[in-house]
Amino acid sequence: MGTSERSYFKCWICRKKMLWTSVLSFTLLIVVLGLLAMTGIERGTASYVVLMMDFALAGVLLATVGVVFWRCGYLSDALD
């Protein structure tokens, strides 16, 4: 990918602030619901495995959103 293509892609990603905020909200909701469900699930069951996969997916989404927020400067905009 050339420099102009990379900068265009970064610009395109950074213009989607509402999308990334929505993904963050959805991911945090999934984490909270998973934590609430955790009390009723026995360790070692299939439901427990699915819940752990859900937490893993939420972790990947949180890391992705964190990188986007950091690289696009959303965090510095909120602090100003």
C-alpha atoms as a PDB file:
ATOM      1  CA  MET A   1       0.000   0.000   0.000  1.00  0.00           C
ATOM      2  CA  GLY A   2       1.430   3.379  -0.988  1.00  0.00           C
ATOM      3  CA  THR A   3       1.637   6.409   1.257  1.00  0.00           C
ATOM      4  CA  SER A   4      -1.346   8.133  -0.339  1.00  0.00           C
ATOM      5  CA  GLU A   5      -3.451   4.971  -0.116  1.00  0.00           C
ATOM      6  CA  ARG A   6      -2.497   4.523   3.537  1.00  0.00           C
ATOM      7  CA  SER A   7      -3.331   8.137   4.416  1.00  0.00           C
ATOM      8  CA  TYR A   8      -6.646   7.887   2.528  1.00  0.00           C
ATOM      9  CA  PHE A   9      -7.492   4.671   4.410  1.00  0.00           C
ATOM     10  CA  LYS A  10      -6.606   6.277   7.765  1.00  0.00           C
ATOM     11  CA  CYS A  11      -8.695   9.315   6.868  1.00  0.00           C
ATOM     12  CA  TRP A  12     -11.624   7.072   5.904  1.00  0.00           C
ATOM     13  CA  ILE A  13     -11.361   5.112   9.165  1.00  0.00           C
ATOM     14  CA  CYS A  14     -11.081   8.260  11.280  1.00  0.00           C
ATOM     15  CA  ARG A  15     -14.177   9.841   9.710  1.00  0.00           C
ATOM     16  CA  LYS A  16     -16.341   7.026  11.126  1.00  0.00           C
ATOM     17  CA  LYS A  17     -16.293   8.237  14.752  1.00  0.00           C
ATOM     18  CA  MET A  18     -19.956   7.387  15.352  1.00  0.00           C
ATOM     19  CA  LEU A  19     -19.389   3.828  14.103  1.00  0.00           C
ATOM     20  CA  TRP A  20     -16.430   3.295  16.445  1.00  0.00           C
ATOM     21  CA  THR A  21     -18.312   4.814  19.385  1.00  0.00           C
ATOM     22  CA  SER A  22     -21.232   2.466  18.661  1.00  0.00           C
ATOM     23  CA  VAL A  23     -18.902  -0.552  18.484  1.00  0.00           C
ATOM     24  CA  LEU A  24     -17.391   0.470  21.826  1.00  0.00           C
ATOM     25  CA  SER A  25     -20.845   0.825  23.419  1.00  0.00           C
ATOM     26  CA  PHE A  26     -21.986  -2.535  22.040  1.00  0.00           C
ATOM     27  CA  THR A  27     -18.819  -4.260  23.245  1.00  0.00           C
ATOM     28  CA  LEU A  28     -19.130  -2.823  26.748  1.00  0.00           C
ATOM     29  CA  LEU A  29     -22.764  -3.956  26.850  1.00  0.00           C
ATOM     30  CA  ILE A  30     -21.714  -7.486  25.874  1.00  0.00           C
ATOM     31  CA  VAL A  31     -19.065  -7.505  28.618  1.00  0.00           C
ATOM     32  CA  VAL A  32     -21.556  -6.353  31.258  1.00  0.00           C
ATOM     33  CA  LEU A  33     -24.155  -8.934  30.180  1.00  0.00           C
ATOM     34  CA  GLY A  34     -21.474 -11.618  30.185  1.00  0.00           C
ATOM     35  CA  LEU A  35     -20.427 -10.701  33.698  1.00  0.00           C
ATOM     36  CA  LEU A  36     -24.040 -10.879  34.841  1.00  0.00           C
ATOM     37  CA  ALA A  37     -24.505 -14.274  33.182  1.00  0.00           C
ATOM     38  CA  MET A  38     -21.281 -15.603  34.691  1.00  0.00           C
ATOM     39  CA  THR A  39     -22.857 -16.094  38.100  1.00  0.00           C
ATOM     40  CA  GLY A  40     -25.366 -18.630  36.748  1.00  0.00           C
ATOM     41  CA  ILE A  41     -23.016 -20.734  34.622  1.00  0.00           C
ATOM     42  CA  GLU A  42     -21.058 -23.690  35.969  1.00  0.00           C
ATOM     43  CA  ARG A  43     -17.404 -23.959  35.041  1.00  0.00           C
ATOM     44  CA  GLY A  44     -16.662 -26.645  32.449  1.00  0.00           C
ATOM     45  CA  THR A  45     -20.037 -26.574  30.712  1.00  0.00           C
ATOM     46  CA  ALA A  46     -20.580 -25.696  27.069  1.00  0.00           C
ATOM     47  CA  SER A  47     -22.202 -22.425  28.106  1.00  0.00           C
ATOM     48  CA  TYR A  48     -19.052 -21.523  30.010  1.00  0.00           C
ATOM     49  CA  VAL A  49     -16.903 -22.150  26.933  1.00  0.00           C
ATOM     50  CA  VAL A  50     -19.186 -19.979  24.804  1.00  0.00           C
ATOM     51  CA  LEU A  51     -19.042 -17.241  27.441  1.00  0.00           C
ATOM     52  CA  MET A  52     -15.239 -17.345  27.454  1.00  0.00           C
ATOM     53  CA  MET A  53     -15.233 -17.106  23.638  1.00  0.00           C
ATOM     54  CA  ASP A  54     -17.556 -14.118  23.988  1.00  0.00           C
ATOM     55  CA  PHE A  55     -15.109 -12.461  26.371  1.00  0.00           C
ATOM     56  CA  ALA A  56     -12.240 -13.187  23.966  1.00  0.00           C
ATOM     57  CA  LEU A  57     -14.136 -11.572  21.090  1.00  0.00           C
ATOM     58  CA  ALA A  58     -14.971  -8.590  23.294  1.00  0.00           C
ATOM     59  CA  GLY A  59     -11.286  -8.265  24.160  1.00  0.00           C
ATOM     60  CA  VAL A  60     -10.320  -8.209  20.485  1.00  0.00           C
ATOM     61  CA  LEU A  61     -12.992  -5.614  19.756  1.00  0.00           C
ATOM     62  CA  LEU A  62     -11.871  -3.454  22.682  1.00  0.00           C
ATOM     63  CA  ALA A  63      -8.262  -3.642  21.507  1.00  0.00           C
ATOM     64  CA  THR A  64      -9.269  -2.712  17.950  1.00  0.00           C
ATOM     65  CA  VAL A  65     -11.410   0.205  19.089  1.00  0.00           C
ATOM     66  CA  GLY A  66      -8.631   1.324  21.431  1.00  0.00           C
ATOM     67  CA  VAL A  67      -6.116   1.397  18.587  1.00  0.00           C
ATOM     68  CA  VAL A  68      -8.536   3.326  16.363  1.00  0.00           C
ATOM     69  CA  PHE A  69      -9.268   5.854  19.125  1.00  0.00           C
ATOM     70  CA  TRP A  70      -5.544   6.265  19.788  1.00  0.00           C
ATOM     71  CA  ARG A  71      -4.406   6.523  16.140  1.00  0.00           C
ATOM     72  CA  CYS A  72      -7.230   8.847  15.105  1.00  0.00           C
ATOM     73  CA  GLY A  73      -6.758  11.133  18.102  1.00  0.00           C
ATOM     74  CA  TYR A  74     -10.272  10.739  19.501  1.00  0.00           C
ATOM     75  CA  LEU A  75      -8.904  10.625  23.046  1.00  0.00           C
ATOM     76  CA  SER A  76      -6.984  13.874  22.740  1.00  0.00           C
ATOM     77  CA  ASP A  77     -10.108  15.573  21.322  1.00  0.00           C
ATOM     78  CA  ALA A  78     -12.071  14.567  24.422  1.00  0.00           C
ATOM     79  CA  LEU A  79      -9.391  15.889  26.795  1.00  0.00           C
ATOM     80  CA  ASP A  80      -9.169  19.339  25.182  1.00  0.00           C
END
